[in-house]
Amino acid sequence: MSSLGDVIHTLPALTDAERAIPGIKFDWVTEEAFAEIPAWHAAVNKVIPVALRRWKKNIIQMLFSHEYKNFKKTLERHAI
């Protein structure tokens, strides 16, 4: 989720899953800087950006921020 290489190297796995299960869709959580990349794949339904790199700089502030609370709510809405 936080490495560009990991994001790019995961795309073929989505293609394989799509071939095995036609119509499958994925929601993908990734670092905000790479959020555009998963959207390139047709099997990706929603990309949820996360600011881990930025948040690591001040973890206490992050835990109480509106941005983090909104991120958690987004995850909860999309969880199965």
N, C-alpha and C. Protein backbone atom coordinates (compact mmCIF):
# COMPACT_ATOMS: atom_id res chain seq x y z
N MET A 1 0.82 -1.19 0.00
CA MET A 1 0.00 0.00 0.00
C MET A 1 0.86 1.25 0.00
N SER A 2 2.07 1.17 0.52
CA SER A 2 2.85 2.39 0.62
C SER A 2 4.08 2.40 -0.28
N SER A 3 4.24 1.39 -1.09
CA SER A 3 5.38 1.32 -2.00
C SER A 3 4.89 1.29 -3.45
N LEU A 4 5.46 2.12 -4.27
CA LEU A 4 5.08 2.18 -5.67
C LEU A 4 5.24 0.82 -6.35
N GLY A 5 6.35 0.16 -6.07
CA GLY A 5 6.60 -1.16 -6.66
C GLY A 5 5.54 -2.17 -6.26
N ASP A 6 5.13 -2.16 -5.00
CA ASP A 6 4.10 -3.09 -4.54
C ASP A 6 2.78 -2.84 -5.27
N VAL A 7 2.44 -1.58 -5.46
CA VAL A 7 1.20 -1.24 -6.15
C VAL A 7 1.24 -1.75 -7.59
N ILE A 8 2.31 -1.47 -8.29
CA ILE A 8 2.43 -1.88 -9.70
C ILE A 8 2.49 -3.40 -9.84
N HIS A 9 3.23 -4.05 -8.95
CA HIS A 9 3.37 -5.50 -9.06
C HIS A 9 2.11 -6.27 -8.65
N THR A 10 1.17 -5.62 -8.01
CA THR A 10 -0.08 -6.27 -7.63
C THR A 10 -1.11 -6.25 -8.76
N LEU A 11 -0.98 -5.35 -9.70
CA LEU A 11 -1.95 -5.24 -10.79
C LEU A 11 -2.15 -6.55 -11.56
N PRO A 12 -1.10 -7.32 -11.89
CA PRO A 12 -1.32 -8.59 -12.59
C PRO A 12 -2.15 -9.59 -11.78
N ALA A 13 -2.07 -9.53 -10.46
CA ALA A 13 -2.87 -10.43 -9.63
C ALA A 13 -4.36 -10.11 -9.80
N LEU A 14 -4.69 -8.85 -10.00
CA LEU A 14 -6.08 -8.48 -10.24
C LEU A 14 -6.56 -9.02 -11.58
N THR A 15 -5.68 -8.98 -12.57
CA THR A 15 -6.01 -9.54 -13.88
C THR A 15 -6.29 -11.03 -13.76
N ASP A 16 -5.44 -11.74 -13.01
CA ASP A 16 -5.65 -13.17 -12.81
C ASP A 16 -6.97 -13.44 -12.08
N ALA A 17 -7.26 -12.66 -11.06
CA ALA A 17 -8.51 -12.83 -10.31
C ALA A 17 -9.71 -12.56 -11.21
N GLU A 18 -9.59 -11.55 -12.06
CA GLU A 18 -10.68 -11.19 -12.97
C GLU A 18 -10.95 -12.31 -13.99
N ARG A 19 -9.89 -12.95 -14.43
CA ARG A 19 -10.05 -14.08 -15.36
C ARG A 19 -10.73 -15.26 -14.66
N ALA A 20 -10.35 -15.49 -13.41
CA ALA A 20 -10.91 -16.62 -12.65
C ALA A 20 -12.34 -16.37 -12.21
N ILE A 21 -12.64 -15.11 -11.88
CA ILE A 21 -13.97 -14.74 -11.39
C ILE A 21 -14.45 -13.52 -12.17
N PRO A 22 -15.04 -13.75 -13.33
CA PRO A 22 -15.50 -12.62 -14.15
C PRO A 22 -16.44 -11.70 -13.36
N GLY A 23 -16.20 -10.41 -13.50
CA GLY A 23 -17.03 -9.42 -12.83
C GLY A 23 -16.56 -9.05 -11.43
N ILE A 24 -15.50 -9.69 -10.94
CA ILE A 24 -14.99 -9.36 -9.61
C ILE A 24 -14.53 -7.91 -9.59
N LYS A 25 -14.74 -7.25 -8.48
CA LYS A 25 -14.31 -5.86 -8.31
C LYS A 25 -13.56 -5.72 -6.99
N PHE A 26 -12.62 -4.80 -6.96
CA PHE A 26 -11.78 -4.59 -5.79
C PHE A 26 -11.85 -3.14 -5.34
N ASP A 27 -11.82 -2.94 -4.05
CA ASP A 27 -11.54 -1.63 -3.46
C ASP A 27 -10.10 -1.70 -2.98
N TRP A 28 -9.33 -0.66 -3.24
CA TRP A 28 -7.90 -0.71 -3.01
C TRP A 28 -7.47 0.47 -2.14
N VAL A 29 -6.81 0.16 -1.04
CA VAL A 29 -6.25 1.19 -0.16
C VAL A 29 -4.79 1.35 -0.54
N THR A 30 -4.37 2.59 -0.82
CA THR A 30 -2.98 2.83 -1.19
C THR A 30 -2.54 4.22 -0.75
N GLU A 31 -1.26 4.38 -0.65
CA GLU A 31 -0.68 5.67 -0.29
C GLU A 31 -1.20 6.74 -1.26
N GLU A 32 -1.51 7.90 -0.73
CA GLU A 32 -2.15 8.95 -1.53
C GLU A 32 -1.35 9.33 -2.78
N ALA A 33 -0.05 9.24 -2.72
CA ALA A 33 0.79 9.60 -3.87
C ALA A 33 0.61 8.63 -5.04
N PHE A 34 0.14 7.40 -4.75
CA PHE A 34 0.00 6.38 -5.79
C PHE A 34 -1.46 6.08 -6.11
N ALA A 35 -2.38 6.86 -5.63
CA ALA A 35 -3.81 6.56 -5.74
C ALA A 35 -4.30 6.47 -7.18
N GLU A 36 -3.65 7.11 -8.08
CA GLU A 36 -4.09 7.08 -9.49
C GLU A 36 -3.82 5.72 -10.14
N ILE A 37 -2.78 5.05 -9.71
CA ILE A 37 -2.33 3.83 -10.39
C ILE A 37 -3.34 2.68 -10.33
N PRO A 38 -3.87 2.31 -9.16
CA PRO A 38 -4.83 1.21 -9.15
C PRO A 38 -6.06 1.48 -10.02
N ALA A 39 -6.43 2.73 -10.16
CA ALA A 39 -7.61 3.08 -10.97
C ALA A 39 -7.41 2.75 -12.44
N TRP A 40 -6.19 2.48 -12.86
CA TRP A 40 -5.93 2.09 -14.25
C TRP A 40 -6.53 0.73 -14.57
N HIS A 41 -6.73 -0.10 -13.54
CA HIS A 41 -7.20 -1.47 -13.75
C HIS A 41 -8.73 -1.50 -13.73
N ALA A 42 -9.30 -2.19 -14.71
CA ALA A 42 -10.76 -2.24 -14.85
C ALA A 42 -11.45 -2.94 -13.67
N ALA A 43 -10.73 -3.82 -12.96
CA ALA A 43 -11.34 -4.55 -11.84
C ALA A 43 -11.35 -3.74 -10.55
N VAL A 44 -10.77 -2.56 -10.57
CA VAL A 44 -10.75 -1.73 -9.36
C VAL A 44 -11.99 -0.85 -9.34
N ASN A 45 -12.78 -1.05 -8.32
CA ASN A 45 -14.03 -0.32 -8.15
C ASN A 45 -13.78 1.04 -7.51
N LYS A 46 -13.02 1.05 -6.43
CA LYS A 46 -12.76 2.28 -5.68
C LYS A 46 -11.34 2.26 -5.15
N VAL A 47 -10.69 3.41 -5.23
CA VAL A 47 -9.36 3.58 -4.65
C VAL A 47 -9.53 4.47 -3.42
N ILE A 48 -9.02 3.99 -2.29
CA ILE A 48 -9.11 4.73 -1.04
C ILE A 48 -7.70 5.18 -0.67
N PRO A 49 -7.40 6.47 -0.82
CA PRO A 49 -6.05 6.94 -0.50
C PRO A 49 -5.84 7.03 1.01
N VAL A 50 -4.63 6.75 1.42
CA VAL A 50 -4.23 6.85 2.82
C VAL A 50 -2.93 7.64 2.88
N ALA A 51 -2.75 8.39 3.95
CA ALA A 51 -1.59 9.29 4.06
C ALA A 51 -0.58 8.76 5.07
N LEU A 52 -0.26 7.48 5.03
CA LEU A 52 0.62 6.90 6.03
C LEU A 52 1.96 7.61 6.14
N ARG A 53 2.56 7.90 5.04
CA ARG A 53 3.88 8.56 5.09
C ARG A 53 3.81 9.91 5.80
N ARG A 54 2.77 10.64 5.49
CA ARG A 54 2.60 11.96 6.12
C ARG A 54 2.19 11.79 7.58
N TRP A 55 1.32 10.84 7.86
CA TRP A 55 0.82 10.64 9.21
C TRP A 55 1.89 10.13 10.16
N LYS A 56 2.86 9.35 9.66
CA LYS A 56 3.92 8.82 10.51
C LYS A 56 4.73 9.93 11.18
N LYS A 57 4.75 11.09 10.58
CA LYS A 57 5.54 12.20 11.12
C LYS A 57 5.02 12.66 12.47
N ASN A 58 3.71 12.51 12.70
CA ASN A 58 3.13 12.91 13.98
C ASN A 58 1.93 12.00 14.27
N ILE A 59 2.21 10.84 14.82
CA ILE A 59 1.18 9.82 15.02
C ILE A 59 0.08 10.29 15.97
N ILE A 60 0.44 10.95 17.04
CA ILE A 60 -0.56 11.41 18.01
C ILE A 60 -1.54 12.38 17.36
N GLN A 61 -1.01 13.34 16.64
CA GLN A 61 -1.86 14.30 15.95
C GLN A 61 -2.75 13.59 14.92
N MET A 62 -2.19 12.61 14.23
CA MET A 62 -2.94 11.86 13.22
C MET A 62 -4.14 11.16 13.83
N LEU A 63 -3.97 10.54 14.99
CA LEU A 63 -5.05 9.78 15.61
C LEU A 63 -6.27 10.64 15.94
N PHE A 64 -6.05 11.92 16.14
CA PHE A 64 -7.14 12.82 16.51
C PHE A 64 -7.57 13.73 15.36
N SER A 65 -7.02 13.52 14.20
CA SER A 65 -7.33 14.40 13.07
C SER A 65 -8.63 13.99 12.39
N HIS A 66 -9.29 14.95 11.79
CA HIS A 66 -10.50 14.68 11.02
C HIS A 66 -10.19 13.82 9.80
N GLU A 67 -9.03 14.05 9.23
CA GLU A 67 -8.64 13.29 8.04
C GLU A 67 -8.58 11.79 8.36
N TYR A 68 -7.97 11.44 9.48
CA TYR A 68 -7.87 10.03 9.88
C TYR A 68 -9.25 9.46 10.19
N LYS A 69 -10.07 10.22 10.88
CA LYS A 69 -11.43 9.76 11.21
C LYS A 69 -12.24 9.53 9.93
N ASN A 70 -12.09 10.41 8.96
CA ASN A 70 -12.78 10.23 7.68
C ASN A 70 -12.27 9.00 6.94
N PHE A 71 -10.97 8.76 7.02
CA PHE A 71 -10.39 7.57 6.40
C PHE A 71 -10.99 6.31 7.02
N LYS A 72 -11.07 6.26 8.34
CA LYS A 72 -11.65 5.10 9.02
C LYS A 72 -13.11 4.90 8.63
N LYS A 73 -13.86 5.98 8.54
CA LYS A 73 -15.27 5.87 8.14
C LYS A 73 -15.39 5.33 6.72
N THR A 74 -14.52 5.78 5.84
CA THR A 74 -14.52 5.28 4.47
C THR A 74 -14.26 3.78 4.44
N LEU A 75 -13.28 3.34 5.21
CA LEU A 75 -12.99 1.90 5.27
C LEU A 75 -14.19 1.12 5.81
N GLU A 76 -14.81 1.63 6.83
CA GLU A 76 -15.96 0.94 7.41
C GLU A 76 -17.11 0.84 6.41
N ARG A 77 -17.32 1.88 5.63
CA ARG A 77 -18.39 1.87 4.63
C ARG A 77 -18.15 0.82 3.54
N HIS A 78 -16.88 0.57 3.24
CA HIS A 78 -16.57 -0.34 2.14
C HIS A 78 -16.19 -1.74 2.60
N ALA A 79 -16.19 -1.96 3.90
CA ALA A 79 -15.86 -3.30 4.42
C ALA A 79 -17.03 -4.25 4.20
N ILE A 80 -16.70 -5.45 3.93
CA ILE A 80 -17.77 -6.46 3.73
C ILE A 80 -18.03 -7.16 5.04
